[in-house]
Amino acid sequence: HTARALANFPLTGETLADRPHMIRALAAVKCAAARA
């Protein structure tokens, strides 16, 4: 899915990697969901 998104949405040149707070937040949500 990510590979397809790379091909379909090369819009701004800014990626999730430029937003470490968002990455950590996503991981927190996924961790909480796995535990629940």
All heavy atoms as atom14 arrays in JSON, in Angstrom:
{
  "sequence": "HTARALANFPLTGETLADRPHMIRALAAVKCAAARA",
  "atom14_mask": [
    [1, 1, 1, 1, 1, 1, 1, 1, 1, 1, 0, 0, 0, 0],
    [1, 1, 1, 1, 1, 1, 1, 0, 0, 0, 0, 0, 0, 0],
    [1, 1, 1, 1, 1, 0, 0, 0, 0, 0, 0, 0, 0, 0],
    [1, 1, 1, 1, 1, 1, 1, 1, 1, 1, 1, 0, 0, 0],
    [1, 1, 1, 1, 1, 0, 0, 0, 0, 0, 0, 0, 0, 0],
    [1, 1, 1, 1, 1, 1, 1, 1, 0, 0, 0, 0, 0, 0],
    [1, 1, 1, 1, 1, 0, 0, 0, 0, 0, 0, 0, 0, 0],
    [1, 1, 1, 1, 1, 1, 1, 1, 0, 0, 0, 0, 0, 0],
    [1, 1, 1, 1, 1, 1, 1, 1, 1, 1, 1, 0, 0, 0],
    [1, 1, 1, 1, 1, 1, 1, 0, 0, 0, 0, 0, 0, 0],
    [1, 1, 1, 1, 1, 1, 1, 1, 0, 0, 0, 0, 0, 0],
    [1, 1, 1, 1, 1, 1, 1, 0, 0, 0, 0, 0, 0, 0],
    [1, 1, 1, 1, 0, 0, 0, 0, 0, 0, 0, 0, 0, 0],
    [1, 1, 1, 1, 1, 1, 1, 1, 1, 0, 0, 0, 0, 0],
    [1, 1, 1, 1, 1, 1, 1, 0, 0, 0, 0, 0, 0, 0],
    [1, 1, 1, 1, 1, 1, 1, 1, 0, 0, 0, 0, 0, 0],
    [1, 1, 1, 1, 1, 0, 0, 0, 0, 0, 0, 0, 0, 0],
    [1, 1, 1, 1, 1, 1, 1, 1, 0, 0, 0, 0, 0, 0],
    [1, 1, 1, 1, 1, 1, 1, 1, 1, 1, 1, 0, 0, 0],
    [1, 1, 1, 1, 1, 1, 1, 0, 0, 0, 0, 0, 0, 0],
    [1, 1, 1, 1, 1, 1, 1, 1, 1, 1, 0, 0, 0, 0],
    [1, 1, 1, 1, 1, 1, 1, 1, 0, 0, 0, 0, 0, 0],
    [1, 1, 1, 1, 1, 1, 1, 1, 0, 0, 0, 0, 0, 0],
    [1, 1, 1, 1, 1, 1, 1, 1, 1, 1, 1, 0, 0, 0],
    [1, 1, 1, 1, 1, 0, 0, 0, 0, 0, 0, 0, 0, 0],
    [1, 1, 1, 1, 1, 1, 1, 1, 0, 0, 0, 0, 0, 0],
    [1, 1, 1, 1, 1, 0, 0, 0, 0, 0, 0, 0, 0, 0],
    [1, 1, 1, 1, 1, 0, 0, 0, 0, 0, 0, 0, 0, 0],
    [1, 1, 1, 1, 1, 1, 1, 0, 0, 0, 0, 0, 0, 0],
    [1, 1, 1, 1, 1, 1, 1, 1, 1, 0, 0, 0, 0, 0],
    [1, 1, 1, 1, 1, 1, 0, 0, 0, 0, 0, 0, 0, 0],
    [1, 1, 1, 1, 1, 0, 0, 0, 0, 0, 0, 0, 0, 0],
    [1, 1, 1, 1, 1, 0, 0, 0, 0, 0, 0, 0, 0, 0],
    [1, 1, 1, 1, 1, 0, 0, 0, 0, 0, 0, 0, 0, 0],
    [1, 1, 1, 1, 1, 1, 1, 1, 1, 1, 1, 0, 0, 0],
    [1, 1, 1, 1, 1, 0, 0, 0, 0, 0, 0, 0, 0, 0]
  ],
  "atom14_positions": [
    [[0.83, -1.21, 0.0], [0.0, 0.0, 0.0], [0.87, 1.26, 0.0], [0.59, 2.21, -0.73], [-0.93, 0.01, 1.21], [-1.96, 1.09, 1.15], [-3.3, 0.85, 0.93], [-1.85, 2.44, 1.25], [-3.96, 2.0, 0.89], [-3.1, 2.98, 1.1], [0.0, 0.0, 0.0], [0.0, 0.0, 0.0], [0.0, 0.0, 0.0], [0.0, 0.0, 0.0]],
    [[1.92, 1.24, 0.81], [2.82, 2.4, 0.85], [3.5, 2.6, -0.49], [3.66, 3.74, -0.95], [3.86, 2.22, 1.97], [3.18, 2.04, 3.21], [4.78, 3.43, 2.06], [0.0, 0.0, 0.0], [0.0, 0.0, 0.0], [0.0, 0.0, 0.0], [0.0, 0.0, 0.0], [0.0, 0.0, 0.0], [0.0, 0.0, 0.0], [0.0, 0.0, 0.0]],
    [[3.92, 1.51, -1.12], [4.56, 1.61, -2.43], [3.63, 2.25, -3.45], [4.04, 3.08, -4.26], [5.02, 0.23, -2.91], [0.0, 0.0, 0.0], [0.0, 0.0, 0.0], [0.0, 0.0, 0.0], [0.0, 0.0, 0.0], [0.0, 0.0, 0.0], [0.0, 0.0, 0.0], [0.0, 0.0, 0.0], [0.0, 0.0, 0.0], [0.0, 0.0, 0.0]],
    [[2.34, 1.88, -3.4], [1.38, 2.5, -4.31], [1.18, 3.98, -3.98], [1.03, 4.82, -4.88], [0.05, 1.75, -4.24], [0.1, 0.33, -4.79], [-1.3, -0.22, -5.0], [-1.29, -1.63, -5.32], [-1.0, -2.14, -6.53], [-0.69, -1.33, -7.53], [-1.03, -3.45, -6.74], [0.0, 0.0, 0.0], [0.0, 0.0, 0.0], [0.0, 0.0, 0.0]],
    [[1.16, 4.32, -2.7], [0.99, 5.72, -2.31], [2.16, 6.57, -2.79], [1.98, 7.72, -3.19], [0.86, 5.82, -0.79], [0.0, 0.0, 0.0], [0.0, 0.0, 0.0], [0.0, 0.0, 0.0], [0.0, 0.0, 0.0], [0.0, 0.0, 0.0], [0.0, 0.0, 0.0], [0.0, 0.0, 0.0], [0.0, 0.0, 0.0], [0.0, 0.0, 0.0]],
    [[3.37, 6.0, -2.76], [4.54, 6.72, -3.25], [4.38, 7.08, -4.73], [4.78, 8.16, -5.18], [5.8, 5.9, -3.04], [6.31, 5.79, -1.6], [7.47, 4.8, -1.54], [6.73, 7.14, -1.08], [0.0, 0.0, 0.0], [0.0, 0.0, 0.0], [0.0, 0.0, 0.0], [0.0, 0.0, 0.0], [0.0, 0.0, 0.0], [0.0, 0.0, 0.0]],
    [[3.78, 6.15, -5.48], [3.59, 6.38, -6.91], [2.43, 7.34, -7.19], [2.48, 8.14, -8.12], [3.35, 5.06, -7.62], [0.0, 0.0, 0.0], [0.0, 0.0, 0.0], [0.0, 0.0, 0.0], [0.0, 0.0, 0.0], [0.0, 0.0, 0.0], [0.0, 0.0, 0.0], [0.0, 0.0, 0.0], [0.0, 0.0, 0.0], [0.0, 0.0, 0.0]],
    [[1.41, 7.29, -6.35], [0.18, 8.04, -6.61], [0.18, 9.45, -6.04], [-0.52, 10.33, -6.56], [-1.03, 7.29, -6.05], [-1.3, 6.01, -6.8], [-0.98, 5.89, -7.98], [-1.9, 5.03, -6.12], [0.0, 0.0, 0.0], [0.0, 0.0, 0.0], [0.0, 0.0, 0.0], [0.0, 0.0, 0.0], [0.0, 0.0, 0.0], [0.0, 0.0, 0.0]],
    [[0.93, 9.7, -4.96], [0.84, 10.99, -4.28], [2.2, 11.63, -4.04], [2.55, 11.96, -2.9], [0.12, 10.82, -2.93], [-1.21, 10.13, -3.03], [-1.43, 8.94, -2.35], [-2.24, 10.67, -3.78], [-2.65, 8.29, -2.44], [-3.46, 10.03, -3.88], [-3.67, 8.83, -3.21], [0.0, 0.0, 0.0], [0.0, 0.0, 0.0], [0.0, 0.0, 0.0]],
    [[2.99, 11.86, -5.09], [4.26, 12.6, -4.91], [4.02, 14.1, -4.98], [4.39, 14.76, -5.95], [5.09, 12.1, -6.09], [4.08, 11.86, -7.17], [2.79, 11.44, -6.49], [0.0, 0.0, 0.0], [0.0, 0.0, 0.0], [0.0, 0.0, 0.0], [0.0, 0.0, 0.0], [0.0, 0.0, 0.0], [0.0, 0.0, 0.0], [0.0, 0.0, 0.0]],
    [[3.39, 14.66, -3.94], [2.85, 16.01, -4.05], [3.75, 17.11, -3.48], [4.02, 18.1, -4.15], [1.48, 16.08, -3.36], [0.42, 15.11, -3.93], [-0.86, 15.2, -3.13], [0.16, 15.42, -5.4], [0.0, 0.0, 0.0], [0.0, 0.0, 0.0], [0.0, 0.0, 0.0], [0.0, 0.0, 0.0], [0.0, 0.0, 0.0], [0.0, 0.0, 0.0]],
    [[4.22, 16.96, -2.25], [4.9, 18.08, -1.6], [6.39, 17.86, -1.39], [7.13, 18.82, -1.18], [4.28, 18.36, -0.21], [4.59, 17.27, 0.68], [2.77, 18.52, -0.32], [0.0, 0.0, 0.0], [0.0, 0.0, 0.0], [0.0, 0.0, 0.0], [0.0, 0.0, 0.0], [0.0, 0.0, 0.0], [0.0, 0.0, 0.0], [0.0, 0.0, 0.0]],
    [[6.83, 16.62, -1.39], [8.22, 16.33, -1.06], [8.46, 16.21, 0.43], [9.55, 15.82, 0.86], [0.0, 0.0, 0.0], [0.0, 0.0, 0.0], [0.0, 0.0, 0.0], [0.0, 0.0, 0.0], [0.0, 0.0, 0.0], [0.0, 0.0, 0.0], [0.0, 0.0, 0.0], [0.0, 0.0, 0.0], [0.0, 0.0, 0.0], [0.0, 0.0, 0.0]],
    [[7.45, 16.55, 1.24], [7.54, 16.35, 2.69], [6.86, 15.04, 3.04], [5.75, 14.75, 2.58], [6.88, 17.49, 3.44], [7.61, 18.8, 3.38], [7.03, 19.81, 4.36], [7.29, 19.67, 5.56], [6.3, 20.71, 3.9], [0.0, 0.0, 0.0], [0.0, 0.0, 0.0], [0.0, 0.0, 0.0], [0.0, 0.0, 0.0], [0.0, 0.0, 0.0]],
    [[7.52, 14.26, 3.88], [6.98, 12.94, 4.21], [6.76, 12.81, 5.72], [7.14, 13.69, 6.51], [7.96, 11.83, 3.77], [9.14, 11.88, 4.59], [8.32, 11.98, 2.3], [0.0, 0.0, 0.0], [0.0, 0.0, 0.0], [0.0, 0.0, 0.0], [0.0, 0.0, 0.0], [0.0, 0.0, 0.0], [0.0, 0.0, 0.0], [0.0, 0.0, 0.0]],
    [[6.16, 11.7, 6.11], [5.97, 11.43, 7.53], [7.29, 11.47, 8.29], [7.31, 11.82, 9.48], [5.33, 10.05, 7.71], [3.81, 9.97, 7.74], [3.37, 8.52, 7.89], [3.24, 10.82, 8.87], [0.0, 0.0, 0.0], [0.0, 0.0, 0.0], [0.0, 0.0, 0.0], [0.0, 0.0, 0.0], [0.0, 0.0, 0.0], [0.0, 0.0, 0.0]],
    [[8.37, 11.08, 7.64], [9.68, 11.1, 8.3], [10.05, 12.5, 8.79], [10.87, 12.63, 9.71], [10.75, 10.56, 7.36], [0.0, 0.0, 0.0], [0.0, 0.0, 0.0], [0.0, 0.0, 0.0], [0.0, 0.0, 0.0], [0.0, 0.0, 0.0], [0.0, 0.0, 0.0], [0.0, 0.0, 0.0], [0.0, 0.0, 0.0], [0.0, 0.0, 0.0]],
    [[9.47, 13.53, 8.19], [9.72, 14.91, 8.61], [8.89, 15.31, 9.83], [9.02, 16.43, 10.32], [9.41, 15.87, 7.46], [10.28, 15.63, 6.24], [11.49, 15.43, 6.42], [9.73, 15.64, 5.12], [0.0, 0.0, 0.0], [0.0, 0.0, 0.0], [0.0, 0.0, 0.0], [0.0, 0.0, 0.0], [0.0, 0.0, 0.0], [0.0, 0.0, 0.0]],
    [[8.04, 14.4, 10.31], [7.16, 14.69, 11.44], [7.3, 13.59, 12.5], [6.43, 12.75, 12.67], [5.7, 14.78, 10.97], [5.44, 15.89, 9.96], [5.58, 17.27, 10.6], [5.23, 18.34, 9.66], [6.09, 18.94, 8.86], [7.37, 18.56, 8.86], [5.7, 19.9, 8.05], [0.0, 0.0, 0.0], [0.0, 0.0, 0.0], [0.0, 0.0, 0.0]],
    [[8.42, 13.58, 13.23], [8.66, 12.5, 14.2], [7.6, 12.4, 15.29], [7.31, 11.31, 15.77], [10.03, 12.85, 14.8], [10.27, 14.28, 14.46], [9.55, 14.53, 13.17], [0.0, 0.0, 0.0], [0.0, 0.0, 0.0], [0.0, 0.0, 0.0], [0.0, 0.0, 0.0], [0.0, 0.0, 0.0], [0.0, 0.0, 0.0], [0.0, 0.0, 0.0]],
    [[6.99, 13.53, 15.68], [5.92, 13.47, 16.68], [4.74, 12.65, 16.16], [4.1, 11.9, 16.93], [5.44, 14.87, 17.05], [6.38, 15.61, 17.95], [6.95, 15.05, 19.09], [6.87, 16.88, 17.9], [7.72, 15.93, 19.69], [7.7, 17.05, 18.99], [0.0, 0.0, 0.0], [0.0, 0.0, 0.0], [0.0, 0.0, 0.0], [0.0, 0.0, 0.0]],
    [[4.44, 12.79, 14.88], [3.33, 12.04, 14.29], [3.66, 10.55, 14.24], [2.8, 9.7, 14.49], [3.01, 12.58, 12.9], [1.79, 11.97, 12.25], [0.27, 12.3, 13.17], [-0.95, 11.48, 12.11], [0.0, 0.0, 0.0], [0.0, 0.0, 0.0], [0.0, 0.0, 0.0], [0.0, 0.0, 0.0], [0.0, 0.0, 0.0], [0.0, 0.0, 0.0]],
    [[4.89, 10.22, 13.92], [5.3, 8.82, 13.87], [5.18, 8.18, 15.25], [4.64, 7.08, 15.42], [6.74, 8.69, 13.34], [6.81, 9.14, 11.88], [7.25, 7.25, 13.49], [8.22, 9.21, 11.33], [0.0, 0.0, 0.0], [0.0, 0.0, 0.0], [0.0, 0.0, 0.0], [0.0, 0.0, 0.0], [0.0, 0.0, 0.0], [0.0, 0.0, 0.0]],
    [[5.68, 8.89, 16.27], [5.58, 8.36, 17.63], [4.12, 8.23, 18.06], [3.75, 7.27, 18.75], [6.35, 9.26, 18.6], [7.85, 9.1, 18.5], [8.57, 9.78, 19.65], [8.53, 11.24, 19.54], [9.46, 11.95, 18.92], [10.5, 11.35, 18.35], [9.37, 13.27, 18.86], [0.0, 0.0, 0.0], [0.0, 0.0, 0.0], [0.0, 0.0, 0.0]],
    [[3.29, 9.17, 17.65], [1.87, 9.11, 18.0], [1.19, 7.92, 17.34], [0.39, 7.22, 17.97], [1.18, 10.41, 17.59], [0.0, 0.0, 0.0], [0.0, 0.0, 0.0], [0.0, 0.0, 0.0], [0.0, 0.0, 0.0], [0.0, 0.0, 0.0], [0.0, 0.0, 0.0], [0.0, 0.0, 0.0], [0.0, 0.0, 0.0], [0.0, 0.0, 0.0]],
    [[1.49, 7.67, 16.08], [0.92, 6.51, 15.4], [1.33, 5.21, 16.09], [0.51, 4.31, 16.29], [1.37, 6.49, 13.93], [0.74, 7.52, 13.01], [1.55, 7.66, 11.72], [-0.7, 7.13, 12.68], [0.0, 0.0, 0.0], [0.0, 0.0, 0.0], [0.0, 0.0, 0.0], [0.0, 0.0, 0.0], [0.0, 0.0, 0.0], [0.0, 0.0, 0.0]],
    [[2.59, 5.13, 16.49], [3.06, 3.93, 17.18], [2.36, 3.77, 18.52], [2.04, 2.64, 18.94], [4.58, 3.99, 17.37], [0.0, 0.0, 0.0], [0.0, 0.0, 0.0], [0.0, 0.0, 0.0], [0.0, 0.0, 0.0], [0.0, 0.0, 0.0], [0.0, 0.0, 0.0], [0.0, 0.0, 0.0], [0.0, 0.0, 0.0], [0.0, 0.0, 0.0]],
    [[2.09, 4.88, 19.21], [1.39, 4.81, 20.49], [-0.03, 4.28, 20.31], [-0.5, 3.45, 21.09], [1.35, 6.2, 21.14], [0.0, 0.0, 0.0], [0.0, 0.0, 0.0], [0.0, 0.0, 0.0], [0.0, 0.0, 0.0], [0.0, 0.0, 0.0], [0.0, 0.0, 0.0], [0.0, 0.0, 0.0], [0.0, 0.0, 0.0], [0.0, 0.0, 0.0]],
    [[-0.72, 4.74, 19.25], [-2.07, 4.28, 18.98], [-2.06, 2.79, 18.66], [-2.89, 2.02, 19.17], [-2.69, 5.08, 17.81], [-4.02, 4.46, 17.37], [-2.9, 6.53, 18.22], [0.0, 0.0, 0.0], [0.0, 0.0, 0.0], [0.0, 0.0, 0.0], [0.0, 0.0, 0.0], [0.0, 0.0, 0.0], [0.0, 0.0, 0.0], [0.0, 0.0, 0.0]],
    [[-1.13, 2.35, 17.83], [-1.07, 0.94, 17.44], [-0.73, 0.04, 18.63], [-1.24, -1.07, 18.75], [-0.05, 0.74, 16.31], [-0.4, 1.49, 15.02], [-1.72, 1.01, 14.45], [-2.12, 1.84, 13.23], [-3.41, 1.38, 12.66], [0.0, 0.0, 0.0], [0.0, 0.0, 0.0], [0.0, 0.0, 0.0], [0.0, 0.0, 0.0], [0.0, 0.0, 0.0]],
    [[0.15, 0.53, 19.5], [0.51, -0.23, 20.69], [-0.7, -0.38, 21.6], [-0.98, -1.47, 22.11], [1.66, 0.45, 21.41], [2.23, -0.42, 22.89], [0.0, 0.0, 0.0], [0.0, 0.0, 0.0], [0.0, 0.0, 0.0], [0.0, 0.0, 0.0], [0.0, 0.0, 0.0], [0.0, 0.0, 0.0], [0.0, 0.0, 0.0], [0.0, 0.0, 0.0]],
    [[-1.42, 0.72, 21.83], [-2.59, 0.67, 22.69], [-3.65, -0.27, 22.12], [-4.3, -1.03, 22.85], [-3.17, 2.08, 22.85], [0.0, 0.0, 0.0], [0.0, 0.0, 0.0], [0.0, 0.0, 0.0], [0.0, 0.0, 0.0], [0.0, 0.0, 0.0], [0.0, 0.0, 0.0], [0.0, 0.0, 0.0], [0.0, 0.0, 0.0], [0.0, 0.0, 0.0]],
    [[-3.83, -0.23, 20.8], [-4.82, -1.11, 20.16], [-4.43, -2.57, 20.32], [-5.28, -3.42, 20.59], [-4.96, -0.75, 18.69], [0.0, 0.0, 0.0], [0.0, 0.0, 0.0], [0.0, 0.0, 0.0], [0.0, 0.0, 0.0], [0.0, 0.0, 0.0], [0.0, 0.0, 0.0], [0.0, 0.0, 0.0], [0.0, 0.0, 0.0], [0.0, 0.0, 0.0]],
    [[-3.14, -2.89, 20.14], [-2.69, -4.28, 20.28], [-2.94, -4.78, 21.69], [-3.4, -5.92, 21.9], [-1.2, -4.39, 19.92], [0.0, 0.0, 0.0], [0.0, 0.0, 0.0], [0.0, 0.0, 0.0], [0.0, 0.0, 0.0], [0.0, 0.0, 0.0], [0.0, 0.0, 0.0], [0.0, 0.0, 0.0], [0.0, 0.0, 0.0], [0.0, 0.0, 0.0]],
    [[-2.64, -3.96, 22.69], [-2.85, -4.36, 24.07], [-4.34, -4.54, 24.38], [-4.74, -5.49, 25.05], [-2.24, -3.32, 25.01], [-0.72, -3.33, 24.99], [-0.13, -2.21, 25.81], [1.33, -2.3, 25.87], [2.12, -1.36, 26.36], [1.59, -0.24, 26.85], [3.43, -1.52, 26.38], [0.0, 0.0, 0.0], [0.0, 0.0, 0.0], [0.0, 0.0, 0.0]],
    [[-5.17, -3.62, 23.88], [-6.61, -3.73, 24.1], [-7.17, -4.97, 23.41], [-7.99, -5.7, 23.99], [-7.31, -2.47, 23.58], [0.0, 0.0, 0.0], [0.0, 0.0, 0.0], [0.0, 0.0, 0.0], [0.0, 0.0, 0.0], [0.0, 0.0, 0.0], [0.0, 0.0, 0.0], [0.0, 0.0, 0.0], [0.0, 0.0, 0.0], [0.0, 0.0, 0.0]]
  ]
}
